Amino acid sequence: MIKFQLQDEIAILTLNRPEKRNAINPEMAKEIVSKLDEIKNDASIKILIITGEGKSFCAGADLEYLKLLKNKTVRENEIDTENLAKMFLSIYYFPKPVIAAVNGAAIAGGCGLASACDFIVADKVYSKFGYTEVKIGFIPAVVSIFLIKKAGEGITKKLLLTGDTVDGQKAYEYGLVDYLADNAMKESIKLANRLKQNSSLSMEMTKDMIHLISNFNVAEAVDYCIRLNTISRTSEDFIKGINNFLTK
């Protein structure tokens, strides 16, 4: 249900259910978690790109899977939701920069998947974004966390309460999309090549820092960053980077 390839230190994970518009089911979610866990400490990988096969990025939950939900017990639904949350968290906490190359529609859980990534690169013409859960009596619960962090509370209310679908340009204006492109994958690879030039250790520590300090008050954040800064100055990447800078 997923494809994986590695080229020039860039890993590309492709959702591979084009006949279902790359809709997520429990098997796909588990495959994603398993693959990310397998590669997260692979030093040969510096950047991860996630995209969709065919004309869609990800249409959200699989319809056949949704039909089964009404027959599940409360506990079964809780376990199912926990497994889905693991997928989003495995993307959000992946130690290397993650780029969503949104080549087409990213709807509901698919939009949540994109917003869990560090960057969203969207096709100018074909990309669409929407959280349509309220239209069918569902709640965009887990995915809302990542949208709030990405675009803020105001935009989150606008998208989640209306259930509207917006094009890439509007999503860019909302701050959900980081880059618009004529070709989302080509632009994502270009961005990945830029990021590759940075220290992998520094980017990993910076991601951790951002995730942590957003939950701290100012004094706690400053105290944490003092210690983090001290640790980073002893790293080989820092010493090498300073030496390269000073000898230019």
C-alpha atoms as a PDB file:
ATOM      1  CA  MET A   1       0.000   0.000   0.000  1.00  0.00           C
ATOM      2  CA  ILE A   2       3.051   2.226   0.087  1.00  0.00           C
ATOM      3  CA  LYS A   3       6.101   2.503  -2.134  1.00  0.00           C
ATOM      4  CA  PHE A   4       9.521   3.546  -0.891  1.00  0.00           C
ATOM      5  CA  GLN A   5      12.648   4.673  -2.667  1.00  0.00           C
ATOM      6  CA  LEU A   6      15.900   6.364  -1.714  1.00  0.00           C
ATOM      7  CA  GLN A   7      17.789   8.656  -4.046  1.00  0.00           C
ATOM      8  CA  ASP A   8      20.710  10.910  -3.143  1.00  0.00           C
ATOM      9  CA  GLU A   9      19.937  10.916   0.609  1.00  0.00           C
ATOM     10  CA  ILE A  10      16.272  11.759  -0.064  1.00  0.00           C
ATOM     11  CA  ALA A  11      13.688   9.144   0.929  1.00  0.00           C
ATOM     12  CA  ILE A  12      10.379   9.175  -0.955  1.00  0.00           C
ATOM     13  CA  LEU A  13       7.380   7.440   0.594  1.00  0.00           C
ATOM     14  CA  THR A  14       4.442   7.178  -1.800  1.00  0.00           C
ATOM     15  CA  LEU A  15       0.889   6.316  -0.762  1.00  0.00           C
ATOM     16  CA  ASN A  16       0.089   3.678  -3.342  1.00  0.00           C
ATOM     17  CA  ARG A  17      -3.654   3.126  -3.635  1.00  0.00           C
ATOM     18  CA  PRO A  18      -4.432   5.289  -6.678  1.00  0.00           C
ATOM     19  CA  GLU A  19      -7.636   3.351  -7.414  1.00  0.00           C
ATOM     20  CA  LYS A  20      -8.874   4.498  -3.965  1.00  0.00           C
ATOM     21  CA  ARG A  21      -7.362   7.990  -4.275  1.00  0.00           C
ATOM     22  CA  ASN A  22      -4.734   6.816  -1.757  1.00  0.00           C
ATOM     23  CA  ALA A  23      -7.324   6.598   1.010  1.00  0.00           C
ATOM     24  CA  ILE A  24      -6.030   5.477   4.401  1.00  0.00           C
ATOM     25  CA  ASN A  25      -7.080   2.193   5.965  1.00  0.00           C
ATOM     26  CA  PRO A  26      -5.605   0.482   9.052  1.00  0.00           C
ATOM     27  CA  GLU A  27      -3.181  -1.578   6.972  1.00  0.00           C
ATOM     28  CA  MET A  28      -1.748   1.483   5.229  1.00  0.00           C
ATOM     29  CA  ALA A  29      -1.421   3.348   8.533  1.00  0.00           C
ATOM     30  CA  LYS A  30       0.512   0.419  10.038  1.00  0.00           C
ATOM     31  CA  GLU A  31       2.764   0.194   6.982  1.00  0.00           C
ATOM     32  CA  ILE A  32       3.624   3.892   7.252  1.00  0.00           C
ATOM     33  CA  VAL A  33       4.421   3.621  10.961  1.00  0.00           C
ATOM     34  CA  SER A  34       6.541   0.514  10.387  1.00  0.00           C
ATOM     35  CA  LYS A  35       8.516   2.064   7.523  1.00  0.00           C
ATOM     36  CA  LEU A  36       9.186   5.323   9.368  1.00  0.00           C
ATOM     37  CA  ASP A  37      10.303   3.428  12.445  1.00  0.00           C
ATOM     38  CA  GLU A  38      12.615   1.357  10.240  1.00  0.00           C
ATOM     39  CA  ILE A  39      14.312   4.356   8.581  1.00  0.00           C
ATOM     40  CA  LYS A  40      14.270   7.047  11.275  1.00  0.00           C
ATOM     41  CA  ASN A  41      17.841   6.311  12.394  1.00  0.00           C
ATOM     42  CA  ASP A  42      19.223   5.584   8.919  1.00  0.00           C
ATOM     43  CA  ALA A  43      22.179   7.954   8.467  1.00  0.00           C
ATOM     44  CA  SER A  44      21.964   7.616   4.676  1.00  0.00           C
ATOM     45  CA  ILE A  45      18.611   9.464   4.758  1.00  0.00           C
ATOM     46  CA  LYS A  46      18.618  13.206   5.313  1.00  0.00           C
ATOM     47  CA  ILE A  47      15.144  14.218   4.104  1.00  0.00           C
ATOM     48  CA  LEU A  48      11.791  12.451   3.738  1.00  0.00           C
ATOM     49  CA  ILE A  49       9.196  13.320   1.090  1.00  0.00           C
ATOM     50  CA  ILE A  50       5.645  11.935   1.318  1.00  0.00           C
ATOM     51  CA  THR A  51       3.418  12.015  -1.750  1.00  0.00           C
ATOM     52  CA  GLY A  52       0.528  10.183  -3.409  1.00  0.00           C
ATOM     53  CA  GLU A  53       0.468   7.923  -6.455  1.00  0.00           C
ATOM     54  CA  GLY A  54      -1.675   9.100  -9.353  1.00  0.00           C
ATOM     55  CA  LYS A  55      -3.873  12.185  -9.282  1.00  0.00           C
ATOM     56  CA  SER A  56      -4.601  12.385  -5.540  1.00  0.00           C
ATOM     57  CA  PHE A  57      -2.426  12.970  -2.499  1.00  0.00           C
ATOM     58  CA  CYS A  58      -4.764  11.279  -0.022  1.00  0.00           C
ATOM     59  CA  ALA A  59      -8.569  11.226   0.159  1.00  0.00           C
ATOM     60  CA  GLY A  60      -8.677  10.537   3.898  1.00  0.00           C
ATOM     61  CA  ALA A  61     -10.253   7.417   5.375  1.00  0.00           C
ATOM     62  CA  ASP A  62     -11.163   4.551   3.062  1.00  0.00           C
ATOM     63  CA  LEU A  63     -14.940   4.323   2.458  1.00  0.00           C
ATOM     64  CA  GLU A  64     -15.046   0.567   3.040  1.00  0.00           C
ATOM     65  CA  TYR A  65     -13.252   1.116   6.312  1.00  0.00           C
ATOM     66  CA  LEU A  66     -15.716   3.868   7.315  1.00  0.00           C
ATOM     67  CA  LYS A  67     -18.634   1.496   6.771  1.00  0.00           C
ATOM     68  CA  LEU A  68     -17.186  -0.837   9.396  1.00  0.00           C
ATOM     69  CA  LEU A  69     -16.894   1.844  12.077  1.00  0.00           C
ATOM     70  CA  LYS A  70     -20.596   1.872  12.926  1.00  0.00           C
ATOM     71  CA  ASN A  71     -20.392  -1.791  13.959  1.00  0.00           C
ATOM     72  CA  LYS A  72     -17.354  -1.397  16.205  1.00  0.00           C
ATOM     73  CA  THR A  73     -17.535  -1.222  19.997  1.00  0.00           C
ATOM     74  CA  VAL A  74     -16.343   1.869  21.888  1.00  0.00           C
ATOM     75  CA  ARG A  75     -13.111   0.115  22.826  1.00  0.00           C
ATOM     76  CA  GLU A  76     -12.533  -1.077  19.250  1.00  0.00           C
ATOM     77  CA  ASN A  77     -12.986   2.475  17.990  1.00  0.00           C
ATOM     78  CA  GLU A  78     -10.590   3.741  20.646  1.00  0.00           C
ATOM     79  CA  ILE A  79      -7.897   1.247  19.619  1.00  0.00           C
ATOM     80  CA  ASP A  80      -8.483   2.075  15.963  1.00  0.00           C
ATOM     81  CA  THR A  81      -8.087   5.795  16.648  1.00  0.00           C
ATOM     82  CA  GLU A  82      -4.922   5.175  18.670  1.00  0.00           C
ATOM     83  CA  ASN A  83      -3.397   3.320  15.722  1.00  0.00           C
ATOM     84  CA  LEU A  84      -4.294   6.154  13.367  1.00  0.00           C
ATOM     85  CA  ALA A  85      -2.798   8.679  15.795  1.00  0.00           C
ATOM     86  CA  LYS A  86       0.451   6.679  15.791  1.00  0.00           C
ATOM     87  CA  MET A  87       0.737   7.331  12.061  1.00  0.00           C
ATOM     88  CA  PHE A  88       0.358  11.096  12.457  1.00  0.00           C
ATOM     89  CA  LEU A  89       2.782  11.181  15.386  1.00  0.00           C
ATOM     90  CA  SER A  90       5.356   9.062  13.548  1.00  0.00           C
ATOM     91  CA  ILE A  91       5.360  11.724  10.820  1.00  0.00           C
ATOM     92  CA  TYR A  92       5.279  14.715  13.155  1.00  0.00           C
ATOM     93  CA  TYR A  93       8.114  13.388  15.345  1.00  0.00           C
ATOM     94  CA  PHE A  94      10.202  11.925  12.517  1.00  0.00           C
ATOM     95  CA  PRO A  95      13.712  13.198  13.322  1.00  0.00           C
ATOM     96  CA  LYS A  96      14.526  14.390   9.809  1.00  0.00           C
ATOM     97  CA  PRO A  97      12.705  17.122   7.838  1.00  0.00           C
ATOM     98  CA  VAL A  98       9.508  15.831   6.224  1.00  0.00           C
ATOM     99  CA  ILE A  99       8.025  17.375   3.077  1.00  0.00           C
ATOM    100  CA  ALA A 100       4.497  16.688   1.847  1.00  0.00           C
ATOM    101  CA  ALA A 101       4.452  16.859  -1.964  1.00  0.00           C
ATOM    102  CA  VAL A 102       0.723  17.434  -2.422  1.00  0.00           C
ATOM    103  CA  ASN A 103       0.075  16.538  -6.037  1.00  0.00           C
ATOM    104  CA  GLY A 104      -3.732  16.475  -5.807  1.00  0.00           C
ATOM    105  CA  ALA A 105      -6.564  16.400  -3.299  1.00  0.00           C
ATOM    106  CA  ALA A 106      -5.664  16.129   0.402  1.00  0.00           C
ATOM    107  CA  ILE A 107      -8.957  15.608   2.200  1.00  0.00           C
ATOM    108  CA  ALA A 108      -9.834  14.945   5.869  1.00  0.00           C
ATOM    109  CA  GLY A 109      -7.208  12.528   7.222  1.00  0.00           C
ATOM    110  CA  GLY A 110      -5.166  13.149   4.078  1.00  0.00           C
ATOM    111  CA  CYS A 111      -5.069  16.835   4.899  1.00  0.00           C
ATOM    112  CA  GLY A 112      -4.117  15.918   8.451  1.00  0.00           C
ATOM    113  CA  LEU A 113      -1.287  13.758   7.143  1.00  0.00           C
ATOM    114  CA  ALA A 114       0.060  16.680   5.105  1.00  0.00           C
ATOM    115  CA  SER A 115      -0.217  19.110   8.028  1.00  0.00           C
ATOM    116  CA  ALA A 116       1.790  16.730  10.244  1.00  0.00           C
ATOM    117  CA  CYS A 117       4.734  17.228   7.882  1.00  0.00           C
ATOM    118  CA  ASP A 118       7.263  20.039   8.352  1.00  0.00           C
ATOM    119  CA  PHE A 119       6.651  21.521   4.905  1.00  0.00           C
ATOM    120  CA  ILE A 120       3.771  21.357   2.436  1.00  0.00           C
ATOM    121  CA  VAL A 121       4.564  21.864  -1.237  1.00  0.00           C
ATOM    122  CA  ALA A 122       1.340  22.030  -3.256  1.00  0.00           C
ATOM    123  CA  ASP A 123       0.555  21.807  -6.952  1.00  0.00           C
ATOM    124  CA  LYS A 124      -0.784  25.172  -8.144  1.00  0.00           C
ATOM    125  CA  VAL A 125      -3.497  23.624 -10.285  1.00  0.00           C
ATOM    126  CA  TYR A 126      -4.439  20.230  -8.871  1.00  0.00           C
ATOM    127  CA  SER A 127      -4.010  20.480  -5.103  1.00  0.00           C
ATOM    128  CA  LYS A 128      -7.067  20.796  -2.858  1.00  0.00           C
ATOM    129  CA  PHE A 129      -7.326  20.848   0.918  1.00  0.00           C
ATOM    130  CA  GLY A 130     -10.309  20.199   3.138  1.00  0.00           C
ATOM    131  CA  TYR A 131     -11.492  18.798   6.440  1.00  0.00           C
ATOM    132  CA  THR A 132     -14.941  17.550   5.503  1.00  0.00           C
ATOM    133  CA  GLU A 133     -15.643  15.494   8.644  1.00  0.00           C
ATOM    134  CA  VAL A 134     -18.448  17.715   9.987  1.00  0.00           C
ATOM    135  CA  LYS A 135     -20.447  17.131   6.805  1.00  0.00           C
ATOM    136  CA  ILE A 136     -20.931  13.465   7.760  1.00  0.00           C
ATOM    137  CA  GLY A 137     -21.311  13.911  11.516  1.00  0.00           C
ATOM    138  CA  PHE A 138     -17.686  13.030  12.202  1.00  0.00           C
ATOM    139  CA  ILE A 139     -15.161  15.048  14.238  1.00  0.00           C
ATOM    140  CA  PRO A 140     -11.720  16.000  12.859  1.00  0.00           C
ATOM    141  CA  ALA A 141     -10.236  15.277  16.268  1.00  0.00           C
ATOM    142  CA  VAL A 142      -6.628  14.082  15.996  1.00  0.00           C
ATOM    143  CA  VAL A 143      -5.916  15.996  12.783  1.00  0.00           C
ATOM    144  CA  SER A 144      -7.015  19.274  14.383  1.00  0.00           C
ATOM    145  CA  ILE A 145      -3.940  19.240  16.620  1.00  0.00           C
ATOM    146  CA  PHE A 146      -1.558  19.509  13.685  1.00  0.00           C
ATOM    147  CA  LEU A 147      -3.665  22.076  11.842  1.00  0.00           C
ATOM    148  CA  ILE A 148      -3.752  24.368  14.885  1.00  0.00           C
ATOM    149  CA  LYS A 149       0.036  24.151  15.143  1.00  0.00           C
ATOM    150  CA  LYS A 150       0.439  24.742  11.421  1.00  0.00           C
ATOM    151  CA  ALA A 151      -2.077  27.493  10.692  1.00  0.00           C
ATOM    152  CA  GLY A 152      -3.417  28.777  14.032  1.00  0.00           C
ATOM    153  CA  GLU A 153      -6.769  28.632  15.779  1.00  0.00           C
ATOM    154  CA  GLY A 154      -8.614  31.081  13.524  1.00  0.00           C
ATOM    155  CA  ILE A 155      -7.882  29.248  10.270  1.00  0.00           C
ATOM    156  CA  THR A 156      -8.539  25.939  12.014  1.00  0.00           C
ATOM    157  CA  LYS A 157     -12.045  27.059  12.975  1.00  0.00           C
ATOM    158  CA  LYS A 158     -12.701  28.301   9.457  1.00  0.00           C
ATOM    159  CA  LEU A 159     -11.669  25.008   7.849  1.00  0.00           C
ATOM    160  CA  LEU A 160     -13.006  22.550  10.419  1.00  0.00           C
ATOM    161  CA  LEU A 161     -16.384  24.154  11.142  1.00  0.00           C
ATOM    162  CA  THR A 162     -17.302  24.899   7.517  1.00  0.00           C
ATOM    163  CA  GLY A 163     -15.908  21.674   6.088  1.00  0.00           C
ATOM    164  CA  ASP A 164     -15.022  23.716   3.002  1.00  0.00           C
ATOM    165  CA  THR A 165     -12.486  22.490   0.466  1.00  0.00           C
ATOM    166  CA  VAL A 166     -10.017  25.130  -0.739  1.00  0.00           C
ATOM    167  CA  ASP A 167      -7.511  25.180  -3.574  1.00  0.00           C
ATOM    168  CA  GLY A 168      -3.744  25.383  -3.141  1.00  0.00           C
ATOM    169  CA  GLN A 169      -3.654  29.157  -3.540  1.00  0.00           C
ATOM    170  CA  LYS A 170      -6.165  29.716  -0.736  1.00  0.00           C
ATOM    171  CA  ALA A 171      -4.392  27.154   1.471  1.00  0.00           C
ATOM    172  CA  TYR A 172      -1.164  29.077   0.834  1.00  0.00           C
ATOM    173  CA  GLU A 173      -2.847  32.330   1.875  1.00  0.00           C
ATOM    174  CA  TYR A 174      -4.107  30.592   5.026  1.00  0.00           C
ATOM    175  CA  GLY A 175      -0.566  29.551   5.919  1.00  0.00           C
ATOM    176  CA  LEU A 176      -1.301  25.845   5.571  1.00  0.00           C
ATOM    177  CA  VAL A 177       0.797  25.485   2.404  1.00  0.00           C
ATOM    178  CA  ASP A 178       4.436  26.600   2.458  1.00  0.00           C
ATOM    179  CA  TYR A 179       5.213  26.538  -1.271  1.00  0.00           C
ATOM    180  CA  LEU A 180       3.115  26.507  -4.453  1.00  0.00           C
ATOM    181  CA  ALA A 181       4.615  24.784  -7.473  1.00  0.00           C
ATOM    182  CA  ASP A 182       3.949  23.838 -11.081  1.00  0.00           C
ATOM    183  CA  ASN A 183       5.128  20.359 -10.120  1.00  0.00           C
ATOM    184  CA  ALA A 184       4.919  19.477  -6.424  1.00  0.00           C
ATOM    185  CA  MET A 185       7.421  16.604  -6.545  1.00  0.00           C
ATOM    186  CA  LYS A 186      10.077  18.492  -8.508  1.00  0.00           C
ATOM    187  CA  GLU A 187       9.775  21.448  -6.143  1.00  0.00           C
ATOM    188  CA  SER A 188       9.907  19.127  -3.123  1.00  0.00           C
ATOM    189  CA  ILE A 189      13.123  17.536  -4.377  1.00  0.00           C
ATOM    190  CA  LYS A 190      14.562  21.000  -4.947  1.00  0.00           C
ATOM    191  CA  LEU A 191      13.658  21.960  -1.374  1.00  0.00           C
ATOM    192  CA  ALA A 192      15.082  18.661  -0.078  1.00  0.00           C
ATOM    193  CA  ASN A 193      18.377  19.357  -1.850  1.00  0.00           C
ATOM    194  CA  ARG A 194      18.550  22.752  -0.142  1.00  0.00           C
ATOM    195  CA  LEU A 195      17.861  21.228   3.259  1.00  0.00           C
ATOM    196  CA  LYS A 196      20.462  18.510   2.656  1.00  0.00           C
ATOM    197  CA  GLN A 197      23.179  21.155   2.812  1.00  0.00           C
ATOM    198  CA  ASN A 198      22.373  21.796   6.484  1.00  0.00           C
ATOM    199  CA  SER A 199      23.697  19.810   9.411  1.00  0.00           C
ATOM    200  CA  SER A 200      21.466  16.773   9.980  1.00  0.00           C
ATOM    201  CA  LEU A 201      22.166  16.891  13.710  1.00  0.00           C
ATOM    202  CA  SER A 202      21.288  20.590  13.890  1.00  0.00           C
ATOM    203  CA  MET A 203      18.012  20.077  12.015  1.00  0.00           C
ATOM    204  CA  GLU A 204      17.055  17.151  14.258  1.00  0.00           C
ATOM    205  CA  MET A 205      17.818  19.112  17.427  1.00  0.00           C
ATOM    206  CA  THR A 206      15.967  22.145  16.056  1.00  0.00           C
ATOM    207  CA  LYS A 207      12.848  20.061  15.360  1.00  0.00           C
ATOM    208  CA  ASP A 208      12.952  18.667  18.890  1.00  0.00           C
ATOM    209  CA  MET A 209      13.404  22.175  20.260  1.00  0.00           C
ATOM    210  CA  ILE A 210      10.394  23.554  18.392  1.00  0.00           C
ATOM    211  CA  HIS A 211       8.181  20.680  19.518  1.00  0.00           C
ATOM    212  CA  LEU A 212       9.191  21.061  23.157  1.00  0.00           C
ATOM    213  CA  ILE A 213       9.321  24.824  23.700  1.00  0.00           C
ATOM    214  CA  SER A 214       5.843  25.353  22.269  1.00  0.00           C
ATOM    215  CA  ASN A 215       4.583  23.702  25.474  1.00  0.00           C
ATOM    216  CA  PHE A 216       6.823  25.700  27.849  1.00  0.00           C
ATOM    217  CA  ASN A 217       6.385  29.108  29.392  1.00  0.00           C
ATOM    218  CA  VAL A 218       9.041  31.681  28.457  1.00  0.00           C
ATOM    219  CA  ALA A 219      11.304  31.036  31.460  1.00  0.00           C
ATOM    220  CA  GLU A 220      11.180  27.255  30.941  1.00  0.00           C
ATOM    221  CA  ALA A 221      11.851  27.672  27.225  1.00  0.00           C
ATOM    222  CA  VAL A 222      14.878  29.914  27.811  1.00  0.00           C
ATOM    223  CA  ASP A 223      16.314  27.515  30.404  1.00  0.00           C
ATOM    224  CA  TYR A 224      15.865  24.581  28.032  1.00  0.00           C
ATOM    225  CA  CYS A 225      17.439  26.463  25.111  1.00  0.00           C
ATOM    226  CA  ILE A 226      20.466  27.489  27.185  1.00  0.00           C
ATOM    227  CA  ARG A 227      21.189  23.828  27.864  1.00  0.00           C
ATOM    228  CA  LEU A 228      20.448  22.842  24.265  1.00  0.00           C
ATOM    229  CA  ASN A 229      22.747  25.561  22.927  1.00  0.00           C
ATOM    230  CA  THR A 230      25.530  24.405  25.235  1.00  0.00           C
ATOM    231  CA  ILE A 231      25.189  20.799  24.051  1.00  0.00           C
ATOM    232  CA  SER A 232      25.097  21.775  20.372  1.00  0.00           C
ATOM    233  CA  ARG A 233      28.399  23.693  20.688  1.00  0.00           C
ATOM    234  CA  THR A 234      30.216  20.471  21.525  1.00  0.00           C
ATOM    235  CA  SER A 235      28.998  18.585  18.452  1.00  0.00           C
ATOM    236  CA  GLU A 236      31.279  17.637  15.565  1.00  0.00           C
ATOM    237  CA  ASP A 237      28.891  19.339  13.123  1.00  0.00           C
ATOM    238  CA  PHE A 238      29.212  22.634  15.008  1.00  0.00           C
ATOM    239  CA  ILE A 239      33.027  22.499  15.167  1.00  0.00           C
ATOM    240  CA  LYS A 240      33.250  21.584  11.481  1.00  0.00           C
ATOM    241  CA  GLY A 241      30.729  24.259  10.499  1.00  0.00           C
ATOM    242  CA  ILE A 242      32.516  26.987  12.449  1.00  0.00           C
ATOM    243  CA  ASN A 243      35.882  26.019  10.967  1.00  0.00           C
ATOM    244  CA  ASN A 244      34.438  26.066   7.439  1.00  0.00           C
ATOM    245  CA  PHE A 245      32.814  29.454   8.079  1.00  0.00           C
ATOM    246  CA  LEU A 246      35.982  31.018   9.514  1.00  0.00           C
ATOM    247  CA  THR A 247      38.184  29.792   6.658  1.00  0.00           C
ATOM    248  CA  LYS A 248      35.956  31.151   3.883  1.00  0.00           C
END
